[in-house]
Amino acid sequence: RAGRVRAEVITATGMPEAYYAQLQRALEQVTGKKVTLL
C-alpha cells in the first residue's frame, strides 16, 4: 500500500553495509518501488 516491497537477500557471509546499500538501490531501480532488505 505504501509502495514498498521486501527483498530477501542471501549471502554466503556478512557483507559491508555499502554493498547492501548499492544492492538496495539496484533493486529499487528494477522494481520501481522502495525496497526493504531482509
Full PDB file with SEQRES, HELIX, SHEET, SSBOND, CRYST1, ORIGX, SCALE, CONECT and MASTER records, all heavy atoms in Angstrom:
SEQRES   1 A   38  ARG ALA GLY ARG VAL ARG ALA GLU VAL ILE THR ALA THR          
SEQRES   2 A   38  GLY MET PRO GLU ALA TYR TYR ALA GLN LEU GLN ARG ALA          
SEQRES   3 A   38  LEU GLU GLN VAL THR GLY LYS LYS VAL THR LEU LEU              
HELIX    1 AA1 GLU A   17  THR A   31  1                                  15    
SHEET    1 AA1 2 ARG A   4  ALA A   7  0                                        
SHEET    2 AA1 2 LYS A  34  LEU A  37  1                                        
CRYST1    1.000    1.000    1.000  90.00  90.00  90.00 P 1           1          
ORIGX1      1.000000  0.000000  0.000000        0.00000                         
ORIGX2      0.000000  1.000000  0.000000        0.00000                         
ORIGX3      0.000000  0.000000  1.000000        0.00000                         
SCALE1      1.000000  0.000000  0.000000        0.00000                         
SCALE2      0.000000  1.000000  0.000000        0.00000                         
SCALE3      0.000000  0.000000  1.000000        0.00000                         
ATOM      1  N   ARG A   1       0.825  -1.207   0.000  1.00  0.00           N  
ATOM      2  CA  ARG A   1       0.000   0.000   0.000  1.00  0.00           C  
ATOM      3  C   ARG A   1       0.865   1.266   0.000  1.00  0.00           C  
ATOM      4  O   ARG A   1       0.534   2.263  -0.615  1.00  0.00           O  
ATOM      5  CB  ARG A   1      -0.908  -0.013   1.228  1.00  0.00           C  
ATOM      6  CG  ARG A   1      -1.851   1.146   1.315  1.00  0.00           C  
ATOM      7  CD  ARG A   1      -2.738   1.014   2.563  1.00  0.00           C  
ATOM      8  NE  ARG A   1      -3.638   2.128   2.640  1.00  0.00           N  
ATOM      9  CZ  ARG A   1      -3.305   3.332   3.091  1.00  0.00           C  
ATOM     10  NH1 ARG A   1      -2.085   3.561   3.493  1.00  0.00           N  
ATOM     11  NH2 ARG A   1      -4.195   4.304   3.125  1.00  0.00           N  
ATOM     12  N   ALA A   2       2.008   1.197   0.670  1.00  0.00           N  
ATOM     13  CA  ALA A   2       2.910   2.344   0.770  1.00  0.00           C  
ATOM     14  C   ALA A   2       3.909   2.402  -0.391  1.00  0.00           C  
ATOM     15  O   ALA A   2       4.763   3.277  -0.426  1.00  0.00           O  
ATOM     16  CB  ALA A   2       3.665   2.298   2.099  1.00  0.00           C  
ATOM     17  N   GLY A   3       3.801   1.457  -1.334  1.00  0.00           N  
ATOM     18  CA  GLY A   3       4.722   1.451  -2.471  1.00  0.00           C  
ATOM     19  C   GLY A   3       6.088   0.896  -2.132  1.00  0.00           C  
ATOM     20  O   GLY A   3       7.073   1.199  -2.791  1.00  0.00           O  
ATOM     21  N   ARG A   4       6.137   0.049  -1.101  1.00  0.00           N  
ATOM     22  CA  ARG A   4       7.395  -0.585  -0.710  1.00  0.00           C  
ATOM     23  C   ARG A   4       7.296  -2.085  -0.982  1.00  0.00           C  
ATOM     24  O   ARG A   4       6.214  -2.643  -1.091  1.00  0.00           O  
ATOM     25  CB  ARG A   4       7.669  -0.375   0.781  1.00  0.00           C  
ATOM     26  CG  ARG A   4       7.947   1.055   1.163  1.00  0.00           C  
ATOM     27  CD  ARG A   4       8.392   1.178   2.619  1.00  0.00           C  
ATOM     28  NE  ARG A   4       7.543   0.470   3.548  1.00  0.00           N  
ATOM     29  CZ  ARG A   4       6.661   1.043   4.356  1.00  0.00           C  
ATOM     30  NH1 ARG A   4       6.509   2.346   4.356  1.00  0.00           N  
ATOM     31  NH2 ARG A   4       5.941   0.320   5.188  1.00  0.00           N  
ATOM     32  N   VAL A   5       8.446  -2.711  -1.067  1.00  0.00           N  
ATOM     33  CA  VAL A   5       8.495  -4.155  -1.262  1.00  0.00           C  
ATOM     34  C   VAL A   5       9.679  -4.703  -0.465  1.00  0.00           C  
ATOM     35  O   VAL A   5      10.675  -4.017  -0.264  1.00  0.00           O  
ATOM     36  CB  VAL A   5       8.609  -4.507  -2.771  1.00  0.00           C  
ATOM     37  CG1 VAL A   5       9.927  -4.046  -3.342  1.00  0.00           C  
ATOM     38  CG2 VAL A   5       8.379  -5.976  -3.019  1.00  0.00           C  
ATOM     39  N   ARG A   6       9.549  -5.931  -0.001  1.00  0.00           N  
ATOM     40  CA  ARG A   6      10.628  -6.588   0.737  1.00  0.00           C  
ATOM     41  C   ARG A   6      11.485  -7.383  -0.236  1.00  0.00           C  
ATOM     42  O   ARG A   6      10.976  -8.002  -1.162  1.00  0.00           O  
ATOM     43  CB  ARG A   6      10.075  -7.589   1.737  1.00  0.00           C  
ATOM     44  CG  ARG A   6       9.481  -7.001   2.949  1.00  0.00           C  
ATOM     45  CD  ARG A   6       9.205  -8.103   3.922  1.00  0.00           C  
ATOM     46  NE  ARG A   6       7.921  -7.887   4.542  1.00  0.00           N  
ATOM     47  CZ  ARG A   6       7.383  -8.699   5.414  1.00  0.00           C  
ATOM     48  NH1 ARG A   6       7.998  -9.802   5.742  1.00  0.00           N  
ATOM     49  NH2 ARG A   6       6.227  -8.424   5.954  1.00  0.00           N  
ATOM     50  N   ALA A   7      12.756  -7.393   0.024  1.00  0.00           N  
ATOM     51  CA  ALA A   7      13.677  -8.222  -0.747  1.00  0.00           C  
ATOM     52  C   ALA A   7      14.501  -9.037   0.238  1.00  0.00           C  
ATOM     53  O   ALA A   7      15.181  -8.476   1.099  1.00  0.00           O  
ATOM     54  CB  ALA A   7      14.584  -7.359  -1.612  1.00  0.00           C  
ATOM     55  N   GLU A   8      14.422 -10.348   0.116  1.00  0.00           N  
ATOM     56  CA  GLU A   8      15.250 -11.214   0.948  1.00  0.00           C  
ATOM     57  C   GLU A   8      16.574 -11.383   0.226  1.00  0.00           C  
ATOM     58  O   GLU A   8      16.615 -11.808  -0.930  1.00  0.00           O  
ATOM     59  CB  GLU A   8      14.583 -12.571   1.149  1.00  0.00           C  
ATOM     60  CG  GLU A   8      15.417 -13.498   1.996  1.00  0.00           C  
ATOM     61  CD  GLU A   8      14.814 -14.876   2.143  1.00  0.00           C  
ATOM     62  OE1 GLU A   8      14.002 -15.277   1.301  1.00  0.00           O  
ATOM     63  OE2 GLU A   8      15.185 -15.560   3.101  1.00  0.00           O  
ATOM     64  N   VAL A   9      17.643 -11.014   0.894  1.00  0.00           N  
ATOM     65  CA  VAL A   9      18.980 -11.067   0.308  1.00  0.00           C  
ATOM     66  C   VAL A   9      19.790 -12.111   1.067  1.00  0.00           C  
ATOM     67  O   VAL A   9      19.956 -12.008   2.282  1.00  0.00           O  
ATOM     68  CB  VAL A   9      19.665  -9.685   0.376  1.00  0.00           C  
ATOM     69  CG1 VAL A   9      21.082  -9.763  -0.141  1.00  0.00           C  
ATOM     70  CG2 VAL A   9      18.855  -8.656  -0.385  1.00  0.00           C  
ATOM     71  N   ILE A  10      20.274 -13.104   0.330  1.00  0.00           N  
ATOM     72  CA  ILE A  10      21.039 -14.190   0.943  1.00  0.00           C  
ATOM     73  C   ILE A  10      22.472 -14.117   0.429  1.00  0.00           C  
ATOM     74  O   ILE A  10      22.704 -14.109  -0.781  1.00  0.00           O  
ATOM     75  CB  ILE A  10      20.429 -15.557   0.595  1.00  0.00           C  
ATOM     76  CG1 ILE A  10      18.958 -15.591   0.998  1.00  0.00           C  
ATOM     77  CG2 ILE A  10      21.210 -16.677   1.268  1.00  0.00           C  
ATOM     78  CD1 ILE A  10      18.188 -16.760   0.421  1.00  0.00           C  
ATOM     79  N   THR A  11      23.414 -14.049   1.360  1.00  0.00           N  
ATOM     80  CA  THR A  11      24.834 -14.060   1.019  1.00  0.00           C  
ATOM     81  C   THR A  11      25.506 -15.188   1.798  1.00  0.00           C  
ATOM     82  O   THR A  11      24.969 -15.665   2.794  1.00  0.00           O  
ATOM     83  CB  THR A  11      25.511 -12.725   1.374  1.00  0.00           C  
ATOM     84  OG1 THR A  11      25.312 -12.451   2.761  1.00  0.00           O  
ATOM     85  CG2 THR A  11      24.948 -11.579   0.547  1.00  0.00           C  
ATOM     86  N   ALA A  12      26.667 -15.608   1.314  1.00  0.00           N  
ATOM     87  CA  ALA A  12      27.387 -16.685   1.996  1.00  0.00           C  
ATOM     88  C   ALA A  12      27.940 -16.208   3.332  1.00  0.00           C  
ATOM     89  O   ALA A  12      27.968 -16.954   4.309  1.00  0.00           O  
ATOM     90  CB  ALA A  12      28.513 -17.213   1.111  1.00  0.00           C  
ATOM     91  N   THR A  13      28.386 -14.960   3.370  1.00  0.00           N  
ATOM     92  CA  THR A  13      28.914 -14.362   4.607  1.00  0.00           C  
ATOM     93  C   THR A  13      28.370 -12.943   4.718  1.00  0.00           C  
ATOM     94  O   THR A  13      27.763 -12.430   3.783  1.00  0.00           O  
ATOM     95  CB  THR A  13      30.461 -14.298   4.586  1.00  0.00           C  
ATOM     96  OG1 THR A  13      30.862 -13.471   3.490  1.00  0.00           O  
ATOM     97  CG2 THR A  13      31.085 -15.670   4.465  1.00  0.00           C  
ATOM     98  N   GLY A  14      28.615 -12.326   5.847  1.00  0.00           N  
ATOM     99  CA  GLY A  14      28.183 -10.945   6.025  1.00  0.00           C  
ATOM    100  C   GLY A  14      28.904 -10.025   5.047  1.00  0.00           C  
ATOM    101  O   GLY A  14      30.061 -10.261   4.702  1.00  0.00           O  
ATOM    102  N   MET A  15      28.227  -9.021   4.605  1.00  0.00           N  
ATOM    103  CA  MET A  15      28.787  -8.074   3.645  1.00  0.00           C  
ATOM    104  C   MET A  15      28.797  -6.681   4.275  1.00  0.00           C  
ATOM    105  O   MET A  15      28.014  -6.401   5.177  1.00  0.00           O  
ATOM    106  CB  MET A  15      27.949  -8.057   2.366  1.00  0.00           C  
ATOM    107  CG  MET A  15      27.825  -9.416   1.684  1.00  0.00           C  
ATOM    108  SD  MET A  15      29.387 -10.073   1.132  1.00  0.00           S  
ATOM    109  CE  MET A  15      29.679  -9.068  -0.288  1.00  0.00           C  
ATOM    110  N   PRO A  16      29.638  -5.785   3.750  1.00  0.00           N  
ATOM    111  CA  PRO A  16      29.651  -4.409   4.275  1.00  0.00           C  
ATOM    112  C   PRO A  16      28.330  -3.704   3.960  1.00  0.00           C  
ATOM    113  O   PRO A  16      27.677  -4.004   2.962  1.00  0.00           O  
ATOM    114  CB  PRO A  16      30.809  -3.736   3.528  1.00  0.00           C  
ATOM    115  CG  PRO A  16      31.486  -4.786   2.731  1.00  0.00           C  
ATOM    116  CD  PRO A  16      30.651  -6.005   2.737  1.00  0.00           C  
ATOM    117  N   GLU A  17      27.962  -2.756   4.794  1.00  0.00           N  
ATOM    118  CA  GLU A  17      26.706  -2.019   4.593  1.00  0.00           C  
ATOM    119  C   GLU A  17      26.680  -1.297   3.251  1.00  0.00           C  
ATOM    120  O   GLU A  17      25.623  -1.136   2.649  1.00  0.00           O  
ATOM    121  CB  GLU A  17      26.470  -1.037   5.743  1.00  0.00           C  
ATOM    122  CG  GLU A  17      25.959  -1.692   7.010  1.00  0.00           C  
ATOM    123  CD  GLU A  17      24.684  -2.503   6.808  1.00  0.00           C  
ATOM    124  OE1 GLU A  17      23.726  -2.011   6.178  1.00  0.00           O  
ATOM    125  OE2 GLU A  17      24.637  -3.650   7.283  1.00  0.00           O  
ATOM    126  N   ALA A  18      27.837  -0.862   2.761  1.00  0.00           N  
ATOM    127  CA  ALA A  18      27.895  -0.182   1.460  1.00  0.00           C  
ATOM    128  C   ALA A  18      27.417  -1.113   0.348  1.00  0.00           C  
ATOM    129  O   ALA A  18      26.744  -0.685  -0.588  1.00  0.00           O  
ATOM    130  CB  ALA A  18      29.314   0.301   1.178  1.00  0.00           C  
ATOM    131  N   TYR A  19      27.742  -2.400   0.457  1.00  0.00           N  
ATOM    132  CA  TYR A  19      27.294  -3.380  -0.535  1.00  0.00           C  
ATOM    133  C   TYR A  19      25.768  -3.490  -0.519  1.00  0.00           C  
ATOM    134  O   TYR A  19      25.119  -3.478  -1.558  1.00  0.00           O  
ATOM    135  CB  TYR A  19      27.928  -4.745  -0.252  1.00  0.00           C  
ATOM    136  CG  TYR A  19      27.417  -5.831  -1.165  1.00  0.00           C  
ATOM    137  CD1 TYR A  19      27.940  -5.988  -2.441  1.00  0.00           C  
ATOM    138  CD2 TYR A  19      26.398  -6.695  -0.750  1.00  0.00           C  
ATOM    139  CE1 TYR A  19      27.467  -6.975  -3.291  1.00  0.00           C  
ATOM    140  CE2 TYR A  19      25.918  -7.674  -1.587  1.00  0.00           C  
ATOM    141  CZ  TYR A  19      26.455  -7.814  -2.861  1.00  0.00           C  
ATOM    142  OH  TYR A  19      25.972  -8.786  -3.694  1.00  0.00           O  
ATOM    143  N   TYR A  20      25.207  -3.594   0.691  1.00  0.00           N  
ATOM    144  CA  TYR A  20      23.751  -3.702   0.804  1.00  0.00           C  
ATOM    145  C   TYR A  20      23.055  -2.442   0.294  1.00  0.00           C  
ATOM    146  O   TYR A  20      21.996  -2.518  -0.335  1.00  0.00           O  
ATOM    147  CB  TYR A  20      23.336  -3.994   2.249  1.00  0.00           C  
ATOM    148  CG  TYR A  20      23.692  -5.385   2.708  1.00  0.00           C  
ATOM    149  CD1 TYR A  20      24.589  -5.592   3.744  1.00  0.00           C  
ATOM    150  CD2 TYR A  20      23.116  -6.503   2.102  1.00  0.00           C  
ATOM    151  CE1 TYR A  20      24.911  -6.876   4.166  1.00  0.00           C  
ATOM    152  CE2 TYR A  20      23.439  -7.791   2.525  1.00  0.00           C  
ATOM    153  CZ  TYR A  20      24.329  -7.966   3.550  1.00  0.00           C  
ATOM    154  OH  TYR A  20      24.647  -9.234   3.963  1.00  0.00           O  
ATOM    155  N   ALA A  21      23.647  -1.282   0.548  1.00  0.00           N  
ATOM    156  CA  ALA A  21      23.057  -0.025   0.072  1.00  0.00           C  
ATOM    157  C   ALA A  21      23.046   0.015  -1.454  1.00  0.00           C  
ATOM    158  O   ALA A  21      22.045   0.418  -2.073  1.00  0.00           O  
ATOM    159  CB  ALA A  21      23.830   1.165   0.629  1.00  0.00           C  
ATOM    160  N   GLN A  22      24.140  -0.420  -2.073  1.00  0.00           N  
ATOM    161  CA  GLN A  22      24.213  -0.450  -3.540  1.00  0.00           C  
ATOM    162  C   GLN A  22      23.210  -1.465  -4.095  1.00  0.00           C  
ATOM    163  O   GLN A  22      22.524  -1.188  -5.079  1.00  0.00           O  
ATOM    164  CB  GLN A  22      25.632  -0.809  -3.975  1.00  0.00           C  
ATOM    165  CG  GLN A  22      25.835  -0.794  -5.471  1.00  0.00           C  
ATOM    166  CD  GLN A  22      27.275  -1.142  -5.850  1.00  0.00           C  
ATOM    167  OE1 GLN A  22      28.118  -1.405  -4.992  1.00  0.00           O  
ATOM    168  NE2 GLN A  22      27.552  -1.142  -7.137  1.00  0.00           N  
ATOM    169  N   LEU A  23      23.113  -2.621  -3.475  1.00  0.00           N  
ATOM    170  CA  LEU A  23      22.153  -3.635  -3.907  1.00  0.00           C  
ATOM    171  C   LEU A  23      20.728  -3.121  -3.761  1.00  0.00           C  
ATOM    172  O   LEU A  23      19.876  -3.328  -4.646  1.00  0.00           O  
ATOM    173  CB  LEU A  23      22.351  -4.920  -3.090  1.00  0.00           C  
ATOM    174  CG  LEU A  23      21.439  -6.089  -3.420  1.00  0.00           C  
ATOM    175  CD1 LEU A  23      21.603  -6.519  -4.875  1.00  0.00           C  
ATOM    176  CD2 LEU A  23      21.731  -7.251  -2.489  1.00  0.00           C  
ATOM    177  N   GLN A  24      20.447  -2.430  -2.668  1.00  0.00           N  
ATOM    178  CA  GLN A  24      19.118  -1.868  -2.447  1.00  0.00           C  
ATOM    179  C   GLN A  24      18.761  -0.882  -3.556  1.00  0.00           C  
ATOM    180  O   GLN A  24      17.656  -0.916  -4.093  1.00  0.00           O  
ATOM    181  CB  GLN A  24      19.046  -1.191  -1.076  1.00  0.00           C  
ATOM    182  CG  GLN A  24      17.687  -0.637  -0.751  1.00  0.00           C  
ATOM    183  CD  GLN A  24      17.628  -0.059   0.656  1.00  0.00           C  
ATOM    184  OE1 GLN A  24      18.632   0.034   1.355  1.00  0.00           O  
ATOM    185  NE2 GLN A  24      16.447   0.336   1.075  1.00  0.00           N  
ATOM    186  N   ARG A  25      19.694  -0.009  -3.916  1.00  0.00           N  
ATOM    187  CA  ARG A  25      19.446   0.959  -4.994  1.00  0.00           C  
ATOM    188  C   ARG A  25      19.170   0.246  -6.320  1.00  0.00           C  
ATOM    189  O   ARG A  25      18.265   0.622  -7.060  1.00  0.00           O  
ATOM    190  CB  ARG A  25      20.624   1.926  -5.140  1.00  0.00           C  
ATOM    191  CG  ARG A  25      20.670   3.002  -4.067  1.00  0.00           C  
ATOM    192  CD  ARG A  25      21.681   4.087  -4.382  1.00  0.00           C  
ATOM    193  NE  ARG A  25      23.053   3.591  -4.488  1.00  0.00           N  
ATOM    194  CZ  ARG A  25      23.883   3.406  -3.464  1.00  0.00           C  
ATOM    195  NH1 ARG A  25      23.476   3.681  -2.232  1.00  0.00           N  
ATOM    196  NH2 ARG A  25      25.104   2.965  -3.651  1.00  0.00           N  
ATOM    197  N   ALA A  26      19.945  -0.792  -6.602  1.00  0.00           N  
ATOM    198  CA  ALA A  26      19.749  -1.538  -7.856  1.00  0.00           C  
ATOM    199  C   ALA A  26      18.375  -2.214  -7.881  1.00  0.00           C  
ATOM    200  O   ALA A  26      17.680  -2.175  -8.902  1.00  0.00           O  
ATOM    201  CB  ALA A  26      20.854  -2.580  -8.018  1.00  0.00           C  
ATOM    202  N   LEU A  27      17.975  -2.793  -6.759  1.00  0.00           N  
ATOM    203  CA  LEU A  27      16.661  -3.447  -6.702  1.00  0.00           C  
ATOM    204  C   LEU A  27      15.526  -2.431  -6.793  1.00  0.00           C  
ATOM    205  O   LEU A  27      14.475  -2.713  -7.378  1.00  0.00           O  
ATOM    206  CB  LEU A  27      16.532  -4.285  -5.422  1.00  0.00           C  
ATOM    207  CG  LEU A  27      17.416  -5.540  -5.378  1.00  0.00           C  
ATOM    208  CD1 LEU A  27      17.357  -6.177  -3.989  1.00  0.00           C  
ATOM    209  CD2 LEU A  27      17.006  -6.542  -6.444  1.00  0.00           C  
ATOM    210  N   GLU A  28      15.735  -1.249  -6.246  1.00  0.00           N  
ATOM    211  CA  GLU A  28      14.729  -0.195  -6.351  1.00  0.00           C  
ATOM    212  C   GLU A  28      14.563   0.251  -7.801  1.00  0.00           C  
ATOM    213  O   GLU A  28      13.448   0.519  -8.243  1.00  0.00           O  
ATOM    214  CB  GLU A  28      15.091   0.988  -5.447  1.00  0.00           C  
ATOM    215  CG  GLU A  28      14.864   0.697  -3.980  1.00  0.00           C  
ATOM    216  CD  GLU A  28      15.353   1.784  -3.038  1.00  0.00           C  
ATOM    217  OE1 GLU A  28      16.048   2.723  -3.488  1.00  0.00           O  
ATOM    218  OE2 GLU A  28      15.047   1.677  -1.831  1.00  0.00           O  
ATOM    219  N   GLN A  29      15.663   0.293  -8.548  1.00  0.00           N  
ATOM    220  CA  GLN A  29      15.565   0.643  -9.964  1.00  0.00           C  
ATOM    221  C   GLN A  29      14.822  -0.432 -10.743  1.00  0.00           C  
ATOM    222  O   GLN A  29      13.998  -0.131 -11.605  1.00  0.00           O  
ATOM    223  CB  GLN A  29      16.957   0.852 -10.570  1.00  0.00           C  
ATOM    224  CG  GLN A  29      17.617   2.138 -10.133  1.00  0.00           C  
ATOM    225  CD  GLN A  29      19.005   2.301 -10.730  1.00  0.00           C  
ATOM    226  OE1 GLN A  29      19.608   1.343 -11.200  1.00  0.00           O  
ATOM    227  NE2 GLN A  29      19.507   3.526 -10.698  1.00  0.00           N  
ATOM    228  N   VAL A  30      15.096  -1.691 -10.442  1.00  0.00           N  
ATOM    229  CA  VAL A  30      14.452  -2.804 -11.148  1.00  0.00           C  
ATOM    230  C   VAL A  30      12.960  -2.870 -10.837  1.00  0.00           C  
ATOM    231  O   VAL A  30      12.139  -3.084 -11.735  1.00  0.00           O  
ATOM    232  CB  VAL A  30      15.137  -4.149 -10.785  1.00  0.00           C  
ATOM    233  CG1 VAL A  30      14.337  -5.332 -11.288  1.00  0.00           C  
ATOM    234  CG2 VAL A  30      16.554  -4.185 -11.334  1.00  0.00           C  
ATOM    235  N   THR A  31      12.600  -2.671  -9.568  1.00  0.00           N  
ATOM    236  CA  THR A  31      11.193  -2.824  -9.161  1.00  0.00           C  
ATOM    237  C   THR A  31      10.389  -1.542  -9.292  1.00  0.00           C  
ATOM    238  O   THR A  31       9.161  -1.586  -9.374  1.00  0.00           O  
ATOM    239  CB  THR A  31      11.096  -3.291  -7.696  1.00  0.00           C  
ATOM    240  OG1 THR A  31      11.672  -2.302  -6.837  1.00  0.00           O  
ATOM    241  CG2 THR A  31      11.777  -4.638  -7.495  1.00  0.00           C  
ATOM    242  N   GLY A  32      11.066  -0.403  -9.253  1.00  0.00           N  
ATOM    243  CA  GLY A  32      10.357   0.871  -9.277  1.00  0.00           C  
ATOM    244  C   GLY A  32       9.681   1.187  -7.952  1.00  0.00           C  
ATOM    245  O   GLY A  32       8.807   2.042  -7.872  1.00  0.00           O  
ATOM    246  N   LYS A  33      10.074   0.478  -6.895  1.00  0.00           N  
ATOM    247  CA  LYS A  33       9.495   0.678  -5.567  1.00  0.00           C  
ATOM    248  C   LYS A  33      10.605   0.825  -4.542  1.00  0.00           C  
ATOM    249  O   LYS A  33      11.748   0.451  -4.774  1.00  0.00           O  
ATOM    250  CB  LYS A  33       8.622  -0.519  -5.175  1.00  0.00           C  
ATOM    251  CG  LYS A  33       7.420  -0.705  -6.054  1.00  0.00           C  
ATOM    252  CD  LYS A  33       6.589  -1.873  -5.590  1.00  0.00           C  
ATOM    253  CE  LYS A  33       5.365  -2.005  -6.474  1.00  0.00           C  
ATOM    254  NZ  LYS A  33       4.468  -3.041  -6.004  1.00  0.00           N  
ATOM    255  N   LYS A  34      10.237   1.356  -3.387  1.00  0.00           N  
ATOM    256  CA  LYS A  34      11.160   1.432  -2.256  1.00  0.00           C  
ATOM    257  C   LYS A  34      11.360   0.009  -1.737  1.00  0.00           C  
ATOM    258  O   LYS A  34      10.403  -0.721  -1.501  1.00  0.00           O  
ATOM    259  CB  LYS A  34      10.555   2.330  -1.171  1.00  0.00           C  
ATOM    260  CG  LYS A  34      11.396   2.458   0.050  1.00  0.00           C  
ATOM    261  CD  LYS A  34      12.525   3.427  -0.159  1.00  0.00           C  
ATOM    262  CE  LYS A  34      13.252   3.612   1.160  1.00  0.00           C  
ATOM    263  NZ  LYS A  34      14.668   3.625   1.015  1.00  0.00           N  
ATOM    264  N   VAL A  35      12.612  -0.402  -1.566  1.00  0.00           N  
ATOM    265  CA  VAL A  35      12.938  -1.774  -1.180  1.00  0.00           C  
ATOM    266  C   VAL A  35      13.440  -1.813   0.261  1.00  0.00           C  
ATOM    267  O   VAL A  35      14.286  -1.011   0.654  1.00  0.00           O  
ATOM    268  CB  VAL A  35      13.997  -2.373  -2.131  1.00  0.00           C  
ATOM    269  CG1 VAL A  35      14.471  -3.730  -1.639  1.00  0.00           C  
ATOM    270  CG2 VAL A  35      13.446  -2.483  -3.543  1.00  0.00           C  
ATOM    271  N   THR A  36      12.901  -2.761   1.022  1.00  0.00           N  
ATOM    272  CA  THR A  36      13.382  -3.050   2.369  1.00  0.00           C  
ATOM    273  C   THR A  36      14.129  -4.365   2.308  1.00  0.00           C  
ATOM    274  O   THR A  36      13.559  -5.382   1.897  1.00  0.00           O  
ATOM    275  CB  THR A  36      12.206  -3.170   3.360  1.00  0.00           C  
ATOM    276  OG1 THR A  36      11.452  -1.958   3.331  1.00  0.00           O  
ATOM    277  CG2 THR A  36      12.702  -3.442   4.762  1.00  0.00           C  
ATOM    278  N   LEU A  37      15.397  -4.361   2.684  1.00  0.00           N  
ATOM    279  CA  LEU A  37      16.209  -5.580   2.618  1.00  0.00           C  
ATOM    280  C   LEU A  37      16.071  -6.403   3.891  1.00  0.00           C  
ATOM    281  O   LEU A  37      16.157  -5.865   4.998  1.00  0.00           O  
ATOM    282  CB  LEU A  37      17.682  -5.238   2.417  1.00  0.00           C  
ATOM    283  CG  LEU A  37      18.080  -4.571   1.110  1.00  0.00           C  
ATOM    284  CD1 LEU A  37      19.593  -4.365   1.073  1.00  0.00           C  
ATOM    285  CD2 LEU A  37      17.632  -5.365  -0.083  1.00  0.00           C  
ATOM    286  N   LEU A  38      15.874  -7.689   3.718  1.00  0.00           N  
ATOM    287  CA  LEU A  38      15.906  -8.649   4.815  1.00  0.00           C  
ATOM    288  C   LEU A  38      17.145  -9.500   4.576  1.00  0.00           C  
ATOM    289  O   LEU A  38      17.181 -10.300   3.646  1.00  0.00           O  
ATOM    290  CB  LEU A  38      14.647  -9.519   4.816  1.00  0.00           C  
ATOM    291  CG  LEU A  38      13.325  -8.774   4.882  1.00  0.00           C  
ATOM    292  CD1 LEU A  38      12.163  -9.728   4.693  1.00  0.00           C  
ATOM    293  CD2 LEU A  38      13.199  -8.056   6.198  1.00  0.00           C  
TER     294      LEU A  38                                                      
MASTER        0    0    0    1    2    0    0    6  293    1    0    3          
END                                                                             
